[in-house]
């Protein structure tokens, strides 16, 4: 079936699940049709990771989505944001703006994430997209 792609900006959201649940209901879609794109502190900046399912890890927005829709079984595309040169508490880091010297890197990462999402929406398998983008 068709894929529903949920993308969110690189900002703090911990009630994402409410909106995702409403979107799935509005379109009569199942979690297997869902693709969530989000920032992930556990991945180095500049990298993206496509996964078929999994836990929320440290991400409050993903924890909310999993809780609201009742499953971890949906595709996700994680955009890495961790910068080993920045030594501040994680909450302060994820709420801060992207440094100007990192703009191009993040634009590129977001572009690759969008390309991966389009591949999924066009019917490529998660495994095929993982092989192409998880480098």
Protein backbone atom coordinates (compact mmCIF):
# COMPACT_ATOMS: atom_id res chain seq x y z
CA UNK A 1 0.00 0.00 0.00
CA UNK A 2 0.88 3.65 -0.08
CA UNK A 3 3.36 5.00 2.47
CA UNK A 4 2.63 7.89 4.80
CA UNK A 5 5.74 9.91 5.53
CA UNK A 6 5.96 11.94 8.71
CA UNK A 7 8.85 14.39 8.84
CA UNK A 8 9.58 16.75 11.69
CA UNK A 9 12.01 19.62 11.99
CA UNK A 10 15.09 19.37 14.18
CA UNK A 11 13.25 20.63 17.26
CA UNK A 12 11.96 19.16 20.50
CA UNK A 13 8.64 17.31 20.30
CA UNK A 14 7.55 14.73 22.82
CA UNK A 15 3.85 14.46 21.88
CA UNK A 16 4.40 13.43 18.27
CA UNK A 17 2.43 10.24 18.78
CA UNK A 18 -0.87 12.08 19.13
CA UNK A 19 -0.50 13.66 15.68
CA UNK A 20 0.75 10.43 14.09
CA UNK A 21 -2.15 8.44 15.52
CA UNK A 22 -4.62 11.01 14.18
CA UNK A 23 -2.99 10.96 10.73
CA UNK A 24 -3.11 7.17 10.55
CA UNK A 25 -6.80 7.27 11.51
CA UNK A 26 -7.60 10.07 9.05
CA UNK A 27 -6.07 8.16 6.13
CA UNK A 28 -7.15 4.71 7.30
CA UNK A 29 -3.50 3.65 7.25
CA UNK A 30 -1.69 1.05 9.28
CA UNK A 31 1.66 1.49 11.03
CA UNK A 32 3.26 -0.67 8.32
CA UNK A 33 2.55 2.21 5.91
CA UNK A 34 4.26 4.75 8.14
CA UNK A 35 7.71 6.26 7.65
CA UNK A 36 8.95 8.61 10.39
CA UNK A 37 11.93 10.89 9.80
CA UNK A 38 13.57 12.32 12.89
CA UNK A 39 16.79 13.63 14.41
CA UNK A 40 18.83 11.21 16.48
CA UNK A 41 21.55 12.11 18.96
CA UNK A 42 22.88 8.54 18.91
CA UNK A 43 24.07 8.96 15.30
CA UNK A 44 26.96 11.25 14.27
CA UNK A 45 25.98 14.41 12.41
CA UNK A 46 26.00 13.95 8.66
CA UNK A 47 24.89 10.30 8.76
CA UNK A 48 21.43 8.86 8.23
CA UNK A 49 20.12 5.44 9.20
CA UNK A 50 17.09 3.70 7.75
CA UNK A 51 15.51 0.98 9.90
CA UNK A 52 12.44 -1.21 9.45
CA UNK A 53 11.45 -1.02 13.15
CA UNK A 54 12.92 -0.71 16.62
CA UNK A 55 12.76 0.93 19.98
CA UNK A 56 12.53 4.63 20.70
CA UNK A 57 16.01 4.75 22.21
CA UNK A 58 16.49 8.11 23.91
CA UNK A 59 14.05 9.95 21.62
CA UNK A 60 10.95 11.26 23.40
CA UNK A 61 9.05 11.89 20.17
CA UNK A 62 9.54 8.31 19.05
CA UNK A 63 8.59 7.06 22.51
CA UNK A 64 5.34 9.01 22.13
CA UNK A 65 4.64 7.60 18.65
CA UNK A 66 5.26 4.01 19.75
CA UNK A 67 3.09 4.48 22.83
CA UNK A 68 0.20 6.06 20.91
CA UNK A 69 0.07 3.64 17.97
CA UNK A 70 0.95 0.58 20.06
CA UNK A 71 3.77 -0.83 17.93
CA UNK A 72 7.43 -0.35 17.02
CA UNK A 73 6.87 -1.96 13.62
CA UNK A 74 7.13 0.96 11.22
CA UNK A 75 9.98 2.30 9.13
CA UNK A 76 12.06 5.18 10.35
CA UNK A 77 14.80 7.35 8.92
CA UNK A 78 17.10 8.80 11.55
CA UNK A 79 19.17 11.91 10.84
CA UNK A 80 22.31 12.04 12.96
CA UNK A 81 22.93 15.18 14.99
CA UNK A 82 25.65 14.19 17.50
CA UNK A 83 28.73 16.39 17.45
CA UNK A 84 31.61 14.96 19.50
CA UNK A 85 33.12 18.46 19.76
CA UNK A 86 30.14 19.81 21.69
CA UNK A 87 30.18 18.95 25.39
CA UNK A 88 26.88 20.13 26.85
CA UNK A 89 23.92 18.18 28.31
CA UNK A 90 21.95 16.32 25.64
CA UNK A 91 18.71 18.21 26.34
CA UNK A 92 20.48 21.55 25.81
CA UNK A 93 22.15 20.24 22.68
CA UNK A 94 18.98 18.96 20.99
CA UNK A 95 17.16 22.19 21.78
CA UNK A 96 19.92 24.40 20.40
CA UNK A 97 20.08 25.71 16.85
CA UNK A 98 22.28 24.12 14.23
CA UNK A 99 25.69 25.81 14.11
CA UNK A 100 26.21 27.85 10.93
CA UNK A 101 29.27 25.81 10.00
CA UNK A 102 27.04 22.69 10.02
CA UNK A 103 24.23 24.04 7.82
CA UNK A 104 25.43 22.44 4.59
CA UNK A 105 26.02 19.10 6.30
CA UNK A 106 22.52 19.07 7.78
CA UNK A 107 20.95 20.21 4.50
CA UNK A 108 22.70 17.31 2.78
CA UNK A 109 21.61 14.82 5.48
CA UNK A 110 18.01 15.99 5.30
CA UNK A 111 18.11 15.73 1.51
CA UNK A 112 19.37 12.15 1.66
CA UNK A 113 16.68 11.31 4.24
CA UNK A 114 14.03 12.75 1.92
CA UNK A 115 15.41 10.74 -1.00
CA UNK A 116 15.28 7.57 1.10
CA UNK A 117 11.69 8.34 2.08
CA UNK A 118 10.72 8.78 -1.57
CA UNK A 119 12.30 5.41 -2.39
CA UNK A 120 10.18 3.80 0.33
CA UNK A 121 7.06 5.62 -0.87
CA UNK A 122 7.69 4.36 -4.41
CA UNK A 123 7.69 0.77 -3.16
CA UNK A 124 11.33 -0.15 -2.60
CA UNK A 125 11.81 -2.47 0.35
CA UNK A 126 13.32 -1.20 3.58
CA UNK A 127 16.24 -3.60 3.02
CA UNK A 128 16.96 -2.08 -0.41
CA UNK A 129 16.81 1.45 0.98
CA UNK A 130 18.99 0.49 3.97
CA UNK A 131 21.62 -0.91 1.60
CA UNK A 132 21.63 2.27 -0.44
CA UNK A 133 21.59 4.86 2.38
CA UNK A 134 23.09 3.33 5.55
CA UNK A 135 26.72 4.14 4.78
